[in-house]
PDB file of N, CA and C in Angstrom:
ATOM      1  N   UNK A   1     -13.040 -28.649  11.244  1.00  0.00           N
ATOM      2  CA  UNK A   1     -12.244 -28.073  12.254  1.00  0.00           C
ATOM      3  C   UNK A   1     -11.754 -28.979  13.432  1.00  0.00           C
ATOM      4  N   UNK A   2     -10.524 -28.894  13.732  1.00  0.00           N
ATOM      5  CA  UNK A   2      -9.919 -30.026  14.645  1.00  0.00           C
ATOM      6  C   UNK A   2     -10.322 -30.104  16.141  1.00  0.00           C
ATOM      7  N   UNK A   3     -10.180 -31.357  17.126  1.00  0.00           N
ATOM      8  CA  UNK A   3     -10.444 -31.221  18.174  1.00  0.00           C
ATOM      9  C   UNK A   3      -9.413 -30.449  18.781  1.00  0.00           C
ATOM     10  N   UNK A   4      -9.895 -30.005  20.087  1.00  0.00           N
ATOM     11  CA  UNK A   4      -8.837 -29.418  20.943  1.00  0.00           C
ATOM     12  C   UNK A   4      -7.217 -30.383  21.225  1.00  0.00           C
ATOM     13  N   UNK A   5      -7.646 -31.521  21.560  1.00  0.00           N
ATOM     14  CA  UNK A   5      -6.565 -32.291  21.177  1.00  0.00           C
ATOM     15  C   UNK A   5      -5.541 -32.207  20.359  1.00  0.00           C
ATOM     16  N   UNK A   6      -5.888 -31.948  19.541  1.00  0.00           N
ATOM     17  CA  UNK A   6      -5.277 -32.016  18.228  1.00  0.00           C
ATOM     18  C   UNK A   6      -4.854 -30.547  17.832  1.00  0.00           C
ATOM     19  N   UNK A   7      -5.391 -29.714  18.514  1.00  0.00           N
ATOM     20  CA  UNK A   7      -4.930 -28.093  18.687  1.00  0.00           C
ATOM     21  C   UNK A   7      -3.713 -27.911  19.455  1.00  0.00           C
ATOM     22  N   UNK A   8      -3.827 -28.646  21.078  1.00  0.00           N
ATOM     23  CA  UNK A   8      -2.532 -28.972  21.668  1.00  0.00           C
ATOM     24  C   UNK A   8      -1.446 -29.529  21.015  1.00  0.00           C
ATOM     25  N   UNK A   9      -1.670 -30.773  20.796  1.00  0.00           N
ATOM     26  CA  UNK A   9      -0.630 -31.441  19.759  1.00  0.00           C
ATOM     27  C   UNK A   9       0.265 -30.320  19.226  1.00  0.00           C
ATOM     28  N   UNK A  10      -0.651 -29.855  18.336  1.00  0.00           N
ATOM     29  CA  UNK A  10      -0.180 -29.136  17.206  1.00  0.00           C
ATOM     30  C   UNK A  10       0.886 -27.620  17.817  1.00  0.00           C
ATOM     31  N   UNK A  11       0.341 -27.372  19.030  1.00  0.00           N
ATOM     32  CA  UNK A  11       1.387 -26.269  19.749  1.00  0.00           C
ATOM     33  C   UNK A  11       2.540 -27.430  20.439  1.00  0.00           C
ATOM     34  N   UNK A  12       2.365 -27.987  21.112  1.00  0.00           N
ATOM     35  CA  UNK A  12       3.384 -28.774  21.496  1.00  0.00           C
ATOM     36  C   UNK A  12       4.546 -29.417  20.512  1.00  0.00           C
ATOM     37  N   UNK A  13       3.875 -29.774  19.462  1.00  0.00           N
ATOM     38  CA  UNK A  13       5.146 -30.607  18.554  1.00  0.00           C
ATOM     39  C   UNK A  13       6.046 -29.602  17.545  1.00  0.00           C
ATOM     40  N   UNK A  14       5.097 -28.119  17.811  1.00  0.00           N
ATOM     41  CA  UNK A  14       5.633 -26.674  16.975  1.00  0.00           C
ATOM     42  C   UNK A  14       7.119 -26.380  18.264  1.00  0.00           C
ATOM     43  N   UNK A  15       6.208 -26.399  19.270  1.00  0.00           N
ATOM     44  CA  UNK A  15       6.998 -25.970  20.186  1.00  0.00           C
ATOM     45  C   UNK A  15       8.807 -26.826  20.586  1.00  0.00           C
ATOM     46  N   UNK A  16       8.493 -28.308  19.997  1.00  0.00           N
ATOM     47  CA  UNK A  16       9.606 -28.995  20.468  1.00  0.00           C
ATOM     48  C   UNK A  16      10.523 -28.834  18.930  1.00  0.00           C
ATOM     49  N   UNK A  17       9.986 -28.190  18.492  1.00  0.00           N
ATOM     50  CA  UNK A  17      10.603 -27.856  16.844  1.00  0.00           C
ATOM     51  C   UNK A  17      10.616 -28.900  15.864  1.00  0.00           C
ATOM     52  N   UNK A  18       9.177 -29.457  15.619  1.00  0.00           N
ATOM     53  CA  UNK A  18       8.843 -29.986  14.259  1.00  0.00           C
ATOM     54  C   UNK A  18       8.480 -29.037  13.615  1.00  0.00           C
ATOM     55  N   UNK A  19       8.837 -29.746  11.894  1.00  0.00           N
ATOM     56  CA  UNK A  19       8.462 -28.613  10.803  1.00  0.00           C
ATOM     57  C   UNK A  19       6.708 -28.871  10.623  1.00  0.00           C
ATOM     58  N   UNK A  20       6.328 -28.046  10.122  1.00  0.00           N
ATOM     59  CA  UNK A  20       4.856 -27.605  10.075  1.00  0.00           C
ATOM     60  C   UNK A  20       4.365 -29.029   8.928  1.00  0.00           C
ATOM     61  N   UNK A  21       5.311 -29.474   7.811  1.00  0.00           N
ATOM     62  CA  UNK A  21       4.843 -30.351   6.566  1.00  0.00           C
ATOM     63  C   UNK A  21       4.602 -31.411   7.910  1.00  0.00           C
ATOM     64  N   UNK A  22       5.683 -31.892   8.900  1.00  0.00           N
ATOM     65  CA  UNK A  22       5.243 -32.924   9.830  1.00  0.00           C
ATOM     66  C   UNK A  22       4.720 -32.965  10.742  1.00  0.00           C
ATOM     67  N   UNK A  23       4.060 -32.209  11.227  1.00  0.00           N
ATOM     68  CA  UNK A  23       2.968 -31.843  12.141  1.00  0.00           C
ATOM     69  C   UNK A  23       1.316 -32.188  11.447  1.00  0.00           C
ATOM     70  N   UNK A  24       1.282 -31.480   9.921  1.00  0.00           N
ATOM     71  CA  UNK A  24       0.486 -31.702   9.154  1.00  0.00           C
ATOM     72  C   UNK A  24       0.232 -33.343   8.800  1.00  0.00           C
ATOM     73  N   UNK A  25       1.334 -33.788   8.760  1.00  0.00           N
ATOM     74  CA  UNK A  25       1.181 -35.480   8.337  1.00  0.00           C
ATOM     75  C   UNK A  25       0.757 -36.190   9.348  1.00  0.00           C
ATOM     76  N   UNK A  26       1.306 -35.579  10.839  1.00  0.00           N
ATOM     77  CA  UNK A  26       0.875 -36.527  11.812  1.00  0.00           C
ATOM     78  C   UNK A  26      -0.213 -36.348  12.603  1.00  0.00           C
ATOM     79  N   UNK A  27      -0.711 -35.272  12.255  1.00  0.00           N
ATOM     80  CA  UNK A  27      -2.346 -35.113  12.669  1.00  0.00           C
ATOM     81  C   UNK A  27      -3.176 -35.224  11.740  1.00  0.00           C
ATOM     82  N   UNK A  28      -3.026 -35.221  10.100  1.00  0.00           N
ATOM     83  CA  UNK A  28      -3.777 -35.415   9.156  1.00  0.00           C
ATOM     84  C   UNK A  28      -4.547 -34.151   8.423  1.00  0.00           C
ATOM     85  N   UNK A  29      -4.208 -32.919   8.752  1.00  0.00           N
ATOM     86  CA  UNK A  29      -4.653 -31.984   8.192  1.00  0.00           C
ATOM     87  C   UNK A  29      -3.537 -31.269   6.948  1.00  0.00           C
ATOM     88  N   UNK A  30      -3.486 -29.969   6.574  1.00  0.00           N
ATOM     89  CA  UNK A  30      -3.016 -29.484   5.763  1.00  0.00           C
ATOM     90  C   UNK A  30      -2.442 -28.286   5.941  1.00  0.00           C
ATOM     91  N   UNK A  31      -1.118 -28.038   5.846  1.00  0.00           N
ATOM     92  CA  UNK A  31       0.004 -27.573   6.450  1.00  0.00           C
ATOM     93  C   UNK A  31      -0.632 -26.084   6.462  1.00  0.00           C
ATOM     94  N   UNK A  32      -1.772 -25.137   5.684  1.00  0.00           N
ATOM     95  CA  UNK A  32      -2.295 -24.196   5.983  1.00  0.00           C
ATOM     96  C   UNK A  32      -3.210 -24.483   7.427  1.00  0.00           C
ATOM     97  N   UNK A  33      -3.661 -25.757   7.641  1.00  0.00           N
ATOM     98  CA  UNK A  33      -4.531 -25.639   8.828  1.00  0.00           C
ATOM     99  C   UNK A  33      -3.816 -25.619  10.020  1.00  0.00           C
ATOM    100  N   UNK A  34      -2.337 -26.050  10.017  1.00  0.00           N
ATOM    101  CA  UNK A  34      -1.568 -26.365  11.163  1.00  0.00           C
ATOM    102  C   UNK A  34      -0.856 -24.899  11.054  1.00  0.00           C
ATOM    103  N   UNK A  35      -0.645 -23.758   9.897  1.00  0.00           N
ATOM    104  CA  UNK A  35      -0.157 -22.664  10.566  1.00  0.00           C
ATOM    105  C   UNK A  35      -1.637 -21.669  10.874  1.00  0.00           C
ATOM    106  N   UNK A  36      -2.642 -22.020  10.485  1.00  0.00           N
ATOM    107  CA  UNK A  36      -3.528 -21.529  11.285  1.00  0.00           C
ATOM    108  C   UNK A  36      -3.952 -21.595  12.804  1.00  0.00           C
ATOM    109  N   UNK A  37      -3.811 -22.534  12.810  1.00  0.00           N
ATOM    110  CA  UNK A  37      -4.040 -23.101  14.340  1.00  0.00           C
ATOM    111  C   UNK A  37      -2.599 -22.377  15.228  1.00  0.00           C
ATOM    112  N   UNK A  38      -1.860 -22.465  14.758  1.00  0.00           N
ATOM    113  CA  UNK A  38      -0.281 -22.109  15.134  1.00  0.00           C
ATOM    114  C   UNK A  38      -0.784 -20.560  15.830  1.00  0.00           C
ATOM    115  N   UNK A  39      -1.386 -19.528  14.677  1.00  0.00           N
ATOM    116  CA  UNK A  39      -1.517 -18.454  15.094  1.00  0.00           C
ATOM    117  C   UNK A  39      -2.750 -17.922  16.222  1.00  0.00           C
ATOM    118  N   UNK A  40      -3.735 -19.186  16.383  1.00  0.00           N
ATOM    119  CA  UNK A  40      -4.854 -19.140  17.976  1.00  0.00           C
ATOM    120  C   UNK A  40      -4.099 -19.254  19.013  1.00  0.00           C
ATOM    121  N   UNK A  41      -4.307 -17.737  19.778  1.00  0.00           N
ATOM    122  CA  UNK A  41      -3.702 -18.170  20.920  1.00  0.00           C
ATOM    123  C   UNK A  41      -4.596 -19.566  22.251  1.00  0.00           C
ATOM    124  N   UNK A  42      -5.740 -19.761  21.550  1.00  0.00           N
ATOM    125  CA  UNK A  42      -7.100 -20.798  22.562  1.00  0.00           C
ATOM    126  C   UNK A  42      -7.280 -21.484  21.224  1.00  0.00           C
ATOM    127  N   UNK A  43      -7.895 -22.847  21.500  1.00  0.00           N
ATOM    128  CA  UNK A  43      -8.279 -23.351  20.686  1.00  0.00           C
ATOM    129  C   UNK A  43      -9.813 -22.786  20.132  1.00  0.00           C
ATOM    130  N   UNK A  44     -10.057 -22.526  18.579  1.00  0.00           N
ATOM    131  CA  UNK A  44     -11.186 -21.701  18.632  1.00  0.00           C
ATOM    132  C   UNK A  44     -12.559 -22.726  18.976  1.00  0.00           C
ATOM    133  N   UNK A  45     -13.396 -21.633  19.266  1.00  0.00           N
ATOM    134  CA  UNK A  45     -14.835 -22.087  19.914  1.00  0.00           C
ATOM    135  C   UNK A  45     -15.450 -23.310  18.450  1.00  0.00           C
ATOM    136  N   UNK A  46     -16.084 -23.785  18.833  1.00  0.00           N
ATOM    137  CA  UNK A  46     -17.247 -24.609  18.068  1.00  0.00           C
ATOM    138  C   UNK A  46     -18.352 -23.920  18.161  1.00  0.00           C
ATOM    139  N   UNK A  47     -18.520 -23.497  16.956  1.00  0.00           N
ATOM    140  CA  UNK A  47     -19.998 -23.026  16.364  1.00  0.00           C
ATOM    141  C   UNK A  47     -20.949 -24.182  16.610  1.00  0.00           C
ATOM    142  N   UNK A  48     -22.211 -23.714  17.232  1.00  0.00           N
ATOM    143  CA  UNK A  48     -23.663 -24.248  17.137  1.00  0.00           C
ATOM    144  C   UNK A  48     -24.178 -24.336  16.075  1.00  0.00           C
ATOM    145  N   UNK A  49     -24.735 -25.127  15.645  1.00  0.00           N
ATOM    146  CA  UNK A  49     -25.611 -25.133  14.353  1.00  0.00           C
ATOM    147  C   UNK A  49     -27.223 -24.762  15.089  1.00  0.00           C
ATOM    148  N   UNK A  50     -28.041 -23.813  14.226  1.00  0.00           N
ATOM    149  CA  UNK A  50     -29.357 -23.774  14.613  1.00  0.00           C
ATOM    150  C   UNK A  50     -30.040 -24.421  13.520  1.00  0.00           C
ATOM    151  N   UNK A  51     -30.365 -25.682  13.999  1.00  0.00           N
ATOM    152  CA  UNK A  51     -31.492 -26.387  13.232  1.00  0.00           C
ATOM    153  C   UNK A  51     -32.823 -25.813  12.961  1.00  0.00           C
ATOM    154  N   UNK A  52     -33.250 -25.887  12.062  1.00  0.00           N
ATOM    155  CA  UNK A  52     -34.734 -25.389  11.452  1.00  0.00           C
ATOM    156  C   UNK A  52     -35.447 -26.825  11.312  1.00  0.00           C
ATOM    157  N   UNK A  53     -36.443 -26.549  12.749  1.00  0.00           N
ATOM    158  CA  UNK A  53     -37.092 -27.812  12.445  1.00  0.00           C
ATOM    159  C   UNK A  53     -38.651 -27.706  11.781  1.00  0.00           C
ATOM    160  N   UNK A  54     -38.370 -28.119  10.797  1.00  0.00           N
ATOM    161  CA  UNK A  54     -39.772 -28.139   9.684  1.00  0.00           C
ATOM    162  C   UNK A  54     -41.018 -28.695  10.234  1.00  0.00           C
ATOM    163  N   UNK A  55     -40.902 -29.371  11.344  1.00  0.00           N
ATOM    164  CA  UNK A  55     -42.189 -29.946  11.797  1.00  0.00           C
ATOM    165  C   UNK A  55     -42.706 -29.254  13.090  1.00  0.00           C
ATOM    166  N   UNK A  56     -41.823 -28.199  13.644  1.00  0.00           N
ATOM    167  CA  UNK A  56     -42.536 -27.494  14.241  1.00  0.00           C
ATOM    168  C   UNK A  56     -43.684 -26.952  14.407  1.00  0.00           C
ATOM    169  N   UNK A  57     -44.049 -26.024  13.627  1.00  0.00           N
ATOM    170  CA  UNK A  57     -45.775 -25.497  13.066  1.00  0.00           C
ATOM    171  C   UNK A  57     -46.849 -26.694  13.543  1.00  0.00           C
ATOM    172  N   UNK A  58     -46.053 -28.021  13.125  1.00  0.00           N
ATOM    173  CA  UNK A  58     -47.266 -28.870  13.260  1.00  0.00           C
ATOM    174  C   UNK A  58     -47.282 -30.129  14.683  1.00  0.00           C
ATOM    175  N   UNK A  59     -46.131 -29.962  15.419  1.00  0.00           N
ATOM    176  CA  UNK A  59     -46.102 -30.908  16.283  1.00  0.00           C
ATOM    177  C   UNK A  59     -46.992 -31.186  17.279  1.00  0.00           C
ATOM    178  N   UNK A  60     -48.131 -29.846  17.240  1.00  0.00           N
ATOM    179  CA  UNK A  60     -49.345 -30.368  18.388  1.00  0.00           C
ATOM    180  C   UNK A  60     -50.093 -30.941  17.454  1.00  0.00           C
ATOM    181  N   UNK A  61     -50.369 -30.734  16.652  1.00  0.00           N
ATOM    182  CA  UNK A  61     -51.234 -31.583  15.742  1.00  0.00           C
ATOM    183  C   UNK A  61     -50.794 -32.956  15.551  1.00  0.00           C
ATOM    184  N   UNK A  62     -49.528 -32.987  15.687  1.00  0.00           N
ATOM    185  CA  UNK A  62     -49.278 -34.496  15.409  1.00  0.00           C
ATOM    186  C   UNK A  62     -49.143 -35.276  16.905  1.00  0.00           C
ATOM    187  N   UNK A  63     -49.313 -34.853  17.761  1.00  0.00           N
ATOM    188  CA  UNK A  63     -48.687 -35.341  19.183  1.00  0.00           C
ATOM    189  C   UNK A  63     -50.455 -35.396  19.495  1.00  0.00           C
ATOM    190  N   UNK A  64     -51.853 -34.724  18.978  1.00  0.00           N
ATOM    191  CA  UNK A  64     -53.084 -34.688  19.206  1.00  0.00           C
ATOM    192  C   UNK A  64     -53.474 -36.157  18.380  1.00  0.00           C
ATOM    193  N   UNK A  65     -52.908 -35.986  17.023  1.00  0.00           N
ATOM    194  CA  UNK A  65     -53.081 -37.261  16.483  1.00  0.00           C
ATOM    195  C   UNK A  65     -52.536 -38.715  16.889  1.00  0.00           C
ATOM    196  N   UNK A  66     -51.533 -39.007  17.401  1.00  0.00           N
ATOM    197  CA  UNK A  66     -50.841 -40.296  18.444  1.00  0.00           C
ATOM    198  C   UNK A  66     -51.339 -40.495  19.571  1.00  0.00           C
ATOM    199  N   UNK A  67     -52.000 -39.366  19.806  1.00  0.00           N
ATOM    200  CA  UNK A  67     -52.728 -39.778  21.292  1.00  0.00           C
ATOM    201  C   UNK A  67     -53.895 -40.413  20.777  1.00  0.00           C
ATOM    202  N   UNK A  68     -54.339 -40.119  19.907  1.00  0.00           N
ATOM    203  CA  UNK A  68     -55.787 -40.642  19.191  1.00  0.00           C
ATOM    204  C   UNK A  68     -55.807 -42.467  18.422  1.00  0.00           C
ATOM    205  N   UNK A  69     -54.295 -42.557  18.648  1.00  0.00           N
ATOM    206  CA  UNK A  69     -53.670 -43.859  18.013  1.00  0.00           C
ATOM    207  C   UNK A  69     -53.780 -43.846  16.677  1.00  0.00           C
ATOM    208  N   UNK A  70     -53.545 -42.628  16.247  1.00  0.00           N
ATOM    209  CA  UNK A  70     -53.431 -42.715  15.100  1.00  0.00           C
ATOM    210  C   UNK A  70     -51.663 -42.490  14.662  1.00  0.00           C
ATOM    211  N   UNK A  71     -51.633 -43.944  13.760  1.00  0.00           N
ATOM    212  CA  UNK A  71     -49.976 -44.126  14.009  1.00  0.00           C
ATOM    213  C   UNK A  71     -48.988 -44.280  12.438  1.00  0.00           C
ATOM    214  N   UNK A  72     -50.339 -43.942  11.650  1.00  0.00           N
ATOM    215  CA  UNK A  72     -50.061 -44.199   9.974  1.00  0.00           C
ATOM    216  C   UNK A  72     -49.490 -42.649  10.206  1.00  0.00           C
ATOM    217  N   UNK A  73     -48.376 -42.663   9.197  1.00  0.00           N
ATOM    218  CA  UNK A  73     -47.499 -41.256   8.862  1.00  0.00           C
ATOM    219  C   UNK A  73     -48.164 -40.992   7.575  1.00  0.00           C
ATOM    220  N   UNK A  74     -48.284 -41.411   6.789  1.00  0.00           N
ATOM    221  CA  UNK A  74     -48.864 -41.191   5.491  1.00  0.00           C
ATOM    222  C   UNK A  74     -50.235 -40.465   5.681  1.00  0.00           C
ATOM    223  N   UNK A  75     -51.246 -41.220   6.732  1.00  0.00           N
ATOM    224  CA  UNK A  75     -52.702 -40.188   6.786  1.00  0.00           C
ATOM    225  C   UNK A  75     -52.377 -39.485   7.769  1.00  0.00           C
ATOM    226  N   UNK A  76     -51.241 -38.749   8.213  1.00  0.00           N
ATOM    227  CA  UNK A  76     -51.316 -37.579   9.415  1.00  0.00           C
ATOM    228  C   UNK A  76     -50.491 -37.098   8.214  1.00  0.00           C
ATOM    229  N   UNK A  77     -49.599 -37.589   7.573  1.00  0.00           N
ATOM    230  CA  UNK A  77     -49.009 -36.319   6.389  1.00  0.00           C
ATOM    231  C   UNK A  77     -49.871 -35.830   5.160  1.00  0.00           C
ATOM    232  N   UNK A  78     -51.043 -36.831   5.049  1.00  0.00           N
ATOM    233  CA  UNK A  78     -52.202 -36.223   4.039  1.00  0.00           C
ATOM    234  C   UNK A  78     -52.889 -35.062   5.076  1.00  0.00           C
ATOM    235  N   UNK A  79     -52.833 -35.284   5.917  1.00  0.00           N
ATOM    236  CA  UNK A  79     -54.550 -34.490   6.797  1.00  0.00           C
ATOM    237  C   UNK A  79     -53.233 -33.275   7.091  1.00  0.00           C
ATOM    238  N   UNK A  80     -51.887 -33.168   7.135  1.00  0.00           N
ATOM    239  CA  UNK A  80     -51.476 -32.023   7.427  1.00  0.00           C
ATOM    240  C   UNK A  80     -51.159 -31.213   6.229  1.00  0.00           C
ATOM    241  N   UNK A  81     -51.229 -31.791   4.895  1.00  0.00           N
ATOM    242  CA  UNK A  81     -51.336 -31.573   3.543  1.00  0.00           C
ATOM    243  C   UNK A  81     -52.462 -30.630   3.254  1.00  0.00           C
ATOM    244  N   UNK A  82     -53.625 -31.270   3.838  1.00  0.00           N
ATOM    245  CA  UNK A  82     -54.454 -30.760   3.808  1.00  0.00           C
ATOM    246  C   UNK A  82     -55.568 -29.446   4.486  1.00  0.00           C
ATOM    247  N   UNK A  83     -54.387 -29.133   5.434  1.00  0.00           N
ATOM    248  CA  UNK A  83     -54.894 -27.956   6.501  1.00  0.00           C
ATOM    249  C   UNK A  83     -54.504 -26.802   5.435  1.00  0.00           C
TER     250      UNK A  83
END
């Protein structure tokens, strides 16, 4: 996905009469991308990723062990696997 600045540059260059191939070369994307962005009235919104946190179920236990000054990650991992 291109930045907002690239989106507005594509729109501006096209209004000035630049060819799509020239815009694509200038921006560093494909002609198809330029055509798609020219169809949009506004810059497309960026989608936020929903990250899955694998440690989340174990965070309370990890915090407890760190509070007990157990800093060895291999020990904590072995204890979690044994649960």
